[in-house]
């Protein structure tokens, strides 16, 4: 796996295109919105999450990206993509995904699907 920082994602000609695809397709989970809303009066409250996804095509790309979310206003959130990791194979991706999923406590897994 190769991981790319936010700075590289925003400045590199090729990686910036991947960054834009991820950013345009990211949807804030309902449980994240609710958590941010419940903690809206806590200064600088942030929720961090790792998302796993596959970009399809003839040669699919398996990746994860780390997102930080803050409460904005009117039940909205502001997000920041911190880094992206690209896996060399499906098995490496699936191993990392399963490890992340099963390392969290059940209370922190709102949607296992």
N, C-alpha and C. Protein backbone atom coordinates (compact mmCIF):
# COMPACT_ATOMS: atom_id res chain seq x y z
N UNK A 1 0.84 -1.17 0.00
CA UNK A 1 0.00 0.00 0.00
C UNK A 1 0.89 1.24 0.00
N UNK A 2 0.41 2.23 -0.73
CA UNK A 2 1.09 3.52 -0.76
C UNK A 2 0.12 4.57 -0.24
N UNK A 3 0.59 5.39 0.69
CA UNK A 3 -0.28 6.42 1.26
C UNK A 3 0.19 7.80 0.81
N UNK A 4 -0.78 8.65 0.49
CA UNK A 4 -0.49 10.00 0.01
C UNK A 4 -1.10 11.02 0.97
N UNK A 5 -0.32 12.01 1.33
CA UNK A 5 -0.79 13.05 2.24
C UNK A 5 -1.68 14.05 1.49
N UNK A 6 -2.37 14.85 2.25
CA UNK A 6 -3.24 15.89 1.68
C UNK A 6 -2.47 16.84 0.77
N UNK A 7 -1.26 17.21 1.16
CA UNK A 7 -0.47 18.14 0.37
C UNK A 7 -0.17 17.57 -1.02
N UNK A 8 0.20 16.30 -1.07
CA UNK A 8 0.47 15.66 -2.37
C UNK A 8 -0.81 15.55 -3.18
N UNK A 9 -1.90 15.19 -2.52
CA UNK A 9 -3.18 15.04 -3.22
C UNK A 9 -3.64 16.35 -3.86
N UNK A 10 -3.35 17.45 -3.23
CA UNK A 10 -3.80 18.73 -3.76
C UNK A 10 -2.85 19.34 -4.79
N UNK A 11 -1.57 18.98 -4.75
CA UNK A 11 -0.60 19.63 -5.64
C UNK A 11 -0.17 18.79 -6.84
N UNK A 12 -0.17 17.47 -6.70
CA UNK A 12 0.27 16.60 -7.79
C UNK A 12 -0.78 16.59 -8.90
N UNK A 13 -0.34 16.67 -10.13
CA UNK A 13 -1.25 16.76 -11.28
C UNK A 13 -2.18 15.55 -11.40
N UNK A 14 -1.65 14.36 -11.20
CA UNK A 14 -2.46 13.14 -11.32
C UNK A 14 -3.27 12.90 -10.05
N UNK A 15 -2.61 13.01 -8.89
CA UNK A 15 -3.30 12.72 -7.63
C UNK A 15 -4.41 13.72 -7.33
N UNK A 16 -4.29 14.94 -7.84
CA UNK A 16 -5.34 15.93 -7.61
C UNK A 16 -6.65 15.51 -8.28
N UNK A 17 -6.56 14.78 -9.39
CA UNK A 17 -7.77 14.27 -10.05
C UNK A 17 -8.43 13.20 -9.20
N UNK A 18 -7.64 12.32 -8.60
CA UNK A 18 -8.17 11.30 -7.69
C UNK A 18 -8.80 11.98 -6.47
N UNK A 19 -8.13 12.99 -5.95
CA UNK A 19 -8.63 13.76 -4.81
C UNK A 19 -10.01 14.34 -5.12
N UNK A 20 -10.18 14.91 -6.30
CA UNK A 20 -11.46 15.50 -6.69
C UNK A 20 -12.56 14.44 -6.84
N UNK A 21 -12.21 13.28 -7.38
CA UNK A 21 -13.18 12.20 -7.51
C UNK A 21 -13.66 11.75 -6.14
N UNK A 22 -12.74 11.56 -5.22
CA UNK A 22 -13.10 11.13 -3.86
C UNK A 22 -13.94 12.19 -3.18
N UNK A 23 -13.51 13.44 -3.28
CA UNK A 23 -14.23 14.53 -2.62
C UNK A 23 -15.64 14.68 -3.17
N UNK A 24 -15.82 14.55 -4.47
CA UNK A 24 -17.15 14.72 -5.06
C UNK A 24 -18.08 13.55 -4.77
N UNK A 25 -17.52 12.39 -4.48
CA UNK A 25 -18.37 11.22 -4.20
C UNK A 25 -18.58 10.94 -2.72
N UNK A 26 -17.87 11.64 -1.85
CA UNK A 26 -18.00 11.39 -0.41
C UNK A 26 -19.36 11.88 0.09
N UNK A 27 -20.01 11.04 0.88
CA UNK A 27 -21.27 11.40 1.53
C UNK A 27 -21.09 11.25 3.02
N UNK A 28 -21.51 12.25 3.76
CA UNK A 28 -21.38 12.20 5.21
C UNK A 28 -22.46 11.27 5.77
N UNK A 29 -22.02 10.31 6.57
CA UNK A 29 -22.94 9.33 7.14
C UNK A 29 -23.90 10.00 8.11
N UNK A 30 -25.10 9.45 8.19
CA UNK A 30 -26.12 10.01 9.08
C UNK A 30 -25.64 10.00 10.54
N UNK A 31 -24.99 8.92 10.96
CA UNK A 31 -24.51 8.86 12.35
C UNK A 31 -23.44 9.91 12.62
N UNK A 32 -22.65 10.26 11.61
CA UNK A 32 -21.65 11.32 11.77
C UNK A 32 -22.34 12.66 11.94
N UNK A 33 -23.34 12.92 11.12
CA UNK A 33 -24.11 14.16 11.24
C UNK A 33 -24.73 14.28 12.63
N UNK A 34 -25.29 13.19 13.11
CA UNK A 34 -25.93 13.21 14.43
C UNK A 34 -24.91 13.45 15.54
N UNK A 35 -23.77 12.79 15.46
CA UNK A 35 -22.72 12.98 16.47
C UNK A 35 -22.21 14.41 16.47
N UNK A 36 -21.99 14.96 15.30
CA UNK A 36 -21.51 16.34 15.21
C UNK A 36 -22.56 17.31 15.76
N UNK A 37 -23.83 17.06 15.44
CA UNK A 37 -24.90 17.93 15.93
C UNK A 37 -24.99 17.86 17.45
N UNK A 38 -24.90 16.66 18.02
CA UNK A 38 -24.98 16.50 19.46
C UNK A 38 -23.83 17.21 20.18
N UNK A 39 -22.70 17.33 19.53
CA UNK A 39 -21.52 17.96 20.13
C UNK A 39 -21.22 19.33 19.54
N UNK A 40 -22.21 19.98 18.97
CA UNK A 40 -22.00 21.25 18.27
C UNK A 40 -21.49 22.37 19.17
N UNK A 41 -21.73 22.27 20.47
CA UNK A 41 -21.29 23.33 21.38
C UNK A 41 -19.89 23.05 21.96
N UNK A 42 -19.32 21.90 21.62
CA UNK A 42 -17.96 21.57 22.05
C UNK A 42 -16.99 22.19 21.05
N UNK A 43 -16.13 23.05 21.54
CA UNK A 43 -15.22 23.77 20.66
C UNK A 43 -14.27 22.80 19.95
N UNK A 44 -14.13 22.98 18.64
CA UNK A 44 -13.23 22.19 17.79
C UNK A 44 -13.51 20.69 17.84
N UNK A 45 -14.77 20.30 18.09
CA UNK A 45 -15.12 18.87 18.08
C UNK A 45 -15.02 18.36 16.65
N UNK A 46 -14.35 17.23 16.50
CA UNK A 46 -14.10 16.66 15.18
C UNK A 46 -14.30 15.14 15.24
N UNK A 47 -14.86 14.59 14.19
CA UNK A 47 -14.94 13.14 14.08
C UNK A 47 -14.05 12.71 12.93
N UNK A 48 -13.22 11.72 13.19
CA UNK A 48 -12.32 11.20 12.16
C UNK A 48 -12.77 9.80 11.77
N UNK A 49 -12.67 9.49 10.48
CA UNK A 49 -13.11 8.18 10.01
C UNK A 49 -12.25 7.75 8.83
N UNK A 50 -12.15 6.45 8.66
CA UNK A 50 -11.47 5.88 7.50
C UNK A 50 -12.53 5.19 6.65
N UNK A 51 -12.54 5.53 5.37
CA UNK A 51 -13.51 4.96 4.43
C UNK A 51 -12.76 4.10 3.42
N UNK A 52 -13.28 2.91 3.16
CA UNK A 52 -12.71 2.02 2.16
C UNK A 52 -13.61 2.03 0.94
N UNK A 53 -13.01 2.07 -0.24
CA UNK A 53 -13.81 2.04 -1.46
C UNK A 53 -13.01 1.47 -2.63
N UNK A 54 -13.75 1.16 -3.68
CA UNK A 54 -13.15 0.64 -4.89
C UNK A 54 -13.60 1.53 -6.04
N UNK A 55 -12.67 1.99 -6.84
CA UNK A 55 -13.00 2.73 -8.05
C UNK A 55 -12.98 1.72 -9.18
N UNK A 56 -14.16 1.46 -9.74
CA UNK A 56 -14.31 0.40 -10.74
C UNK A 56 -13.70 0.73 -12.08
N UNK A 57 -13.80 -0.23 -12.95
CA UNK A 57 -13.24 -0.11 -14.29
C UNK A 57 -12.55 -1.41 -14.66
N UNK A 58 -11.85 -1.40 -15.76
CA UNK A 58 -11.13 -2.59 -16.21
C UNK A 58 -10.09 -3.01 -15.19
N UNK A 59 -9.37 -2.05 -14.65
CA UNK A 59 -8.38 -2.30 -13.59
C UNK A 59 -8.80 -1.51 -12.35
N UNK A 60 -9.63 -2.09 -11.49
CA UNK A 60 -10.13 -1.33 -10.34
C UNK A 60 -9.01 -0.89 -9.40
N UNK A 61 -9.27 0.23 -8.74
CA UNK A 61 -8.34 0.77 -7.75
C UNK A 61 -8.97 0.58 -6.38
N UNK A 62 -8.24 -0.06 -5.48
CA UNK A 62 -8.71 -0.29 -4.12
C UNK A 62 -8.01 0.71 -3.21
N UNK A 63 -8.79 1.46 -2.44
CA UNK A 63 -8.19 2.50 -1.63
C UNK A 63 -8.97 2.75 -0.35
N UNK A 64 -8.34 3.49 0.54
CA UNK A 64 -9.03 4.04 1.71
C UNK A 64 -8.68 5.52 1.76
N UNK A 65 -9.56 6.27 2.41
CA UNK A 65 -9.24 7.68 2.64
C UNK A 65 -9.69 8.06 4.04
N UNK A 66 -8.93 8.93 4.66
CA UNK A 66 -9.21 9.39 6.02
C UNK A 66 -9.84 10.77 5.94
N UNK A 67 -10.96 10.93 6.67
CA UNK A 67 -11.73 12.16 6.64
C UNK A 67 -11.91 12.70 8.05
N UNK A 68 -11.77 14.00 8.19
CA UNK A 68 -12.10 14.70 9.43
C UNK A 68 -13.36 15.52 9.15
N UNK A 69 -14.32 15.49 10.08
CA UNK A 69 -15.57 16.21 9.91
C UNK A 69 -15.85 17.11 11.11
N UNK A 70 -16.35 18.31 10.83
CA UNK A 70 -16.71 19.27 11.87
C UNK A 70 -18.13 19.73 11.63
N UNK A 71 -18.82 20.11 12.71
CA UNK A 71 -20.15 20.69 12.59
C UNK A 71 -20.03 22.08 11.98
N UNK A 72 -20.89 22.35 11.03
CA UNK A 72 -20.88 23.65 10.39
C UNK A 72 -22.07 24.43 10.95
N UNK A 73 -23.14 24.50 10.26
CA UNK A 73 -24.36 25.17 10.72
C UNK A 73 -25.54 24.50 10.05
N UNK A 74 -26.68 24.64 10.65
CA UNK A 74 -27.91 24.08 10.08
C UNK A 74 -27.81 22.59 9.79
N UNK A 75 -27.24 21.86 10.73
CA UNK A 75 -27.15 20.40 10.61
C UNK A 75 -26.30 19.97 9.42
N UNK A 76 -25.29 20.76 9.07
CA UNK A 76 -24.37 20.43 7.99
C UNK A 76 -22.99 20.18 8.57
N UNK A 77 -22.14 19.60 7.75
CA UNK A 77 -20.78 19.31 8.21
C UNK A 77 -19.77 19.80 7.19
N UNK A 78 -18.62 20.16 7.70
CA UNK A 78 -17.48 20.53 6.88
C UNK A 78 -16.50 19.36 6.93
N UNK A 79 -15.99 18.95 5.77
CA UNK A 79 -15.08 17.80 5.76
C UNK A 79 -13.71 18.19 5.23
N UNK A 80 -12.73 17.37 5.60
CA UNK A 80 -11.37 17.54 5.11
C UNK A 80 -10.78 16.15 4.89
N UNK A 81 -10.38 15.86 3.68
CA UNK A 81 -9.74 14.58 3.38
C UNK A 81 -8.26 14.72 3.73
N UNK A 82 -7.82 13.92 4.68
CA UNK A 82 -6.46 14.04 5.21
C UNK A 82 -5.43 13.24 4.41
N UNK A 83 -5.81 12.03 3.98
CA UNK A 83 -4.87 11.19 3.24
C UNK A 83 -5.63 10.12 2.47
N UNK A 84 -4.93 9.54 1.51
CA UNK A 84 -5.48 8.44 0.70
C UNK A 84 -4.44 7.34 0.63
N UNK A 85 -4.88 6.10 0.86
CA UNK A 85 -4.00 4.94 0.72
C UNK A 85 -4.47 4.08 -0.44
N UNK A 86 -3.56 3.73 -1.32
CA UNK A 86 -3.89 2.90 -2.48
C UNK A 86 -3.24 1.54 -2.28
N UNK A 87 -4.04 0.48 -2.41
CA UNK A 87 -3.57 -0.89 -2.17
C UNK A 87 -3.07 -1.52 -3.47
N UNK A 88 -2.11 -2.42 -3.32
CA UNK A 88 -1.51 -3.09 -4.47
C UNK A 88 -2.39 -4.20 -5.03
N UNK A 89 -3.26 -4.77 -4.18
CA UNK A 89 -4.10 -5.89 -4.63
C UNK A 89 -5.40 -5.91 -3.83
N UNK A 90 -6.36 -6.65 -4.34
CA UNK A 90 -7.63 -6.80 -3.64
C UNK A 90 -7.44 -7.46 -2.29
N UNK A 91 -6.57 -8.44 -2.20
CA UNK A 91 -6.35 -9.15 -0.94
C UNK A 91 -5.76 -8.22 0.12
N UNK A 92 -4.83 -7.38 -0.26
CA UNK A 92 -4.26 -6.42 0.68
C UNK A 92 -5.35 -5.45 1.16
N UNK A 93 -6.18 -5.00 0.24
CA UNK A 93 -7.29 -4.09 0.56
C UNK A 93 -8.28 -4.76 1.51
N UNK A 94 -8.69 -5.96 1.16
CA UNK A 94 -9.69 -6.67 1.97
C UNK A 94 -9.16 -7.00 3.36
N UNK A 95 -7.91 -7.37 3.46
CA UNK A 95 -7.28 -7.65 4.76
C UNK A 95 -7.30 -6.40 5.64
N UNK A 96 -6.92 -5.26 5.08
CA UNK A 96 -6.92 -4.01 5.83
C UNK A 96 -8.33 -3.60 6.22
N UNK A 97 -9.27 -3.77 5.31
CA UNK A 97 -10.67 -3.40 5.58
C UNK A 97 -11.25 -4.24 6.71
N UNK A 98 -11.02 -5.54 6.67
CA UNK A 98 -11.53 -6.43 7.71
C UNK A 98 -10.86 -6.16 9.06
N UNK A 99 -9.57 -5.87 9.03
CA UNK A 99 -8.85 -5.57 10.27
C UNK A 99 -9.43 -4.32 10.92
N UNK A 100 -9.67 -3.28 10.13
CA UNK A 100 -10.26 -2.04 10.65
C UNK A 100 -11.66 -2.28 11.19
N UNK A 101 -12.44 -3.02 10.45
CA UNK A 101 -13.82 -3.28 10.86
C UNK A 101 -13.90 -4.02 12.18
N UNK A 102 -13.07 -5.02 12.35
CA UNK A 102 -13.15 -5.86 13.53
C UNK A 102 -12.29 -5.38 14.70
N UNK A 103 -11.53 -4.31 14.49
CA UNK A 103 -10.74 -3.78 15.60
C UNK A 103 -11.52 -2.74 16.41
N UNK A 104 -12.62 -2.26 15.87
CA UNK A 104 -13.43 -1.26 16.58
C UNK A 104 -14.39 -1.94 17.54
N UNK A 105 -14.79 -1.21 18.57
CA UNK A 105 -15.78 -1.75 19.49
C UNK A 105 -17.15 -1.69 18.81
N UNK A 106 -18.06 -2.54 19.23
CA UNK A 106 -19.37 -2.60 18.59
C UNK A 106 -20.11 -1.27 18.66
N UNK A 107 -19.90 -0.52 19.73
CA UNK A 107 -20.55 0.79 19.86
C UNK A 107 -20.09 1.76 18.79
N UNK A 108 -18.89 1.56 18.24
CA UNK A 108 -18.35 2.46 17.24
C UNK A 108 -18.62 2.00 15.81
N UNK A 109 -19.42 0.96 15.65
CA UNK A 109 -19.73 0.44 14.32
C UNK A 109 -21.24 0.62 14.08
N UNK A 110 -21.67 1.80 13.62
CA UNK A 110 -23.09 2.04 13.45
C UNK A 110 -23.70 1.30 12.27
N UNK A 111 -22.90 0.99 11.26
CA UNK A 111 -23.41 0.31 10.09
C UNK A 111 -22.34 -0.61 9.54
N UNK A 112 -22.46 -1.89 9.85
CA UNK A 112 -21.44 -2.85 9.43
C UNK A 112 -21.53 -3.16 7.96
N UNK A 113 -22.65 -2.91 7.32
CA UNK A 113 -22.82 -3.23 5.91
C UNK A 113 -21.94 -2.38 5.11
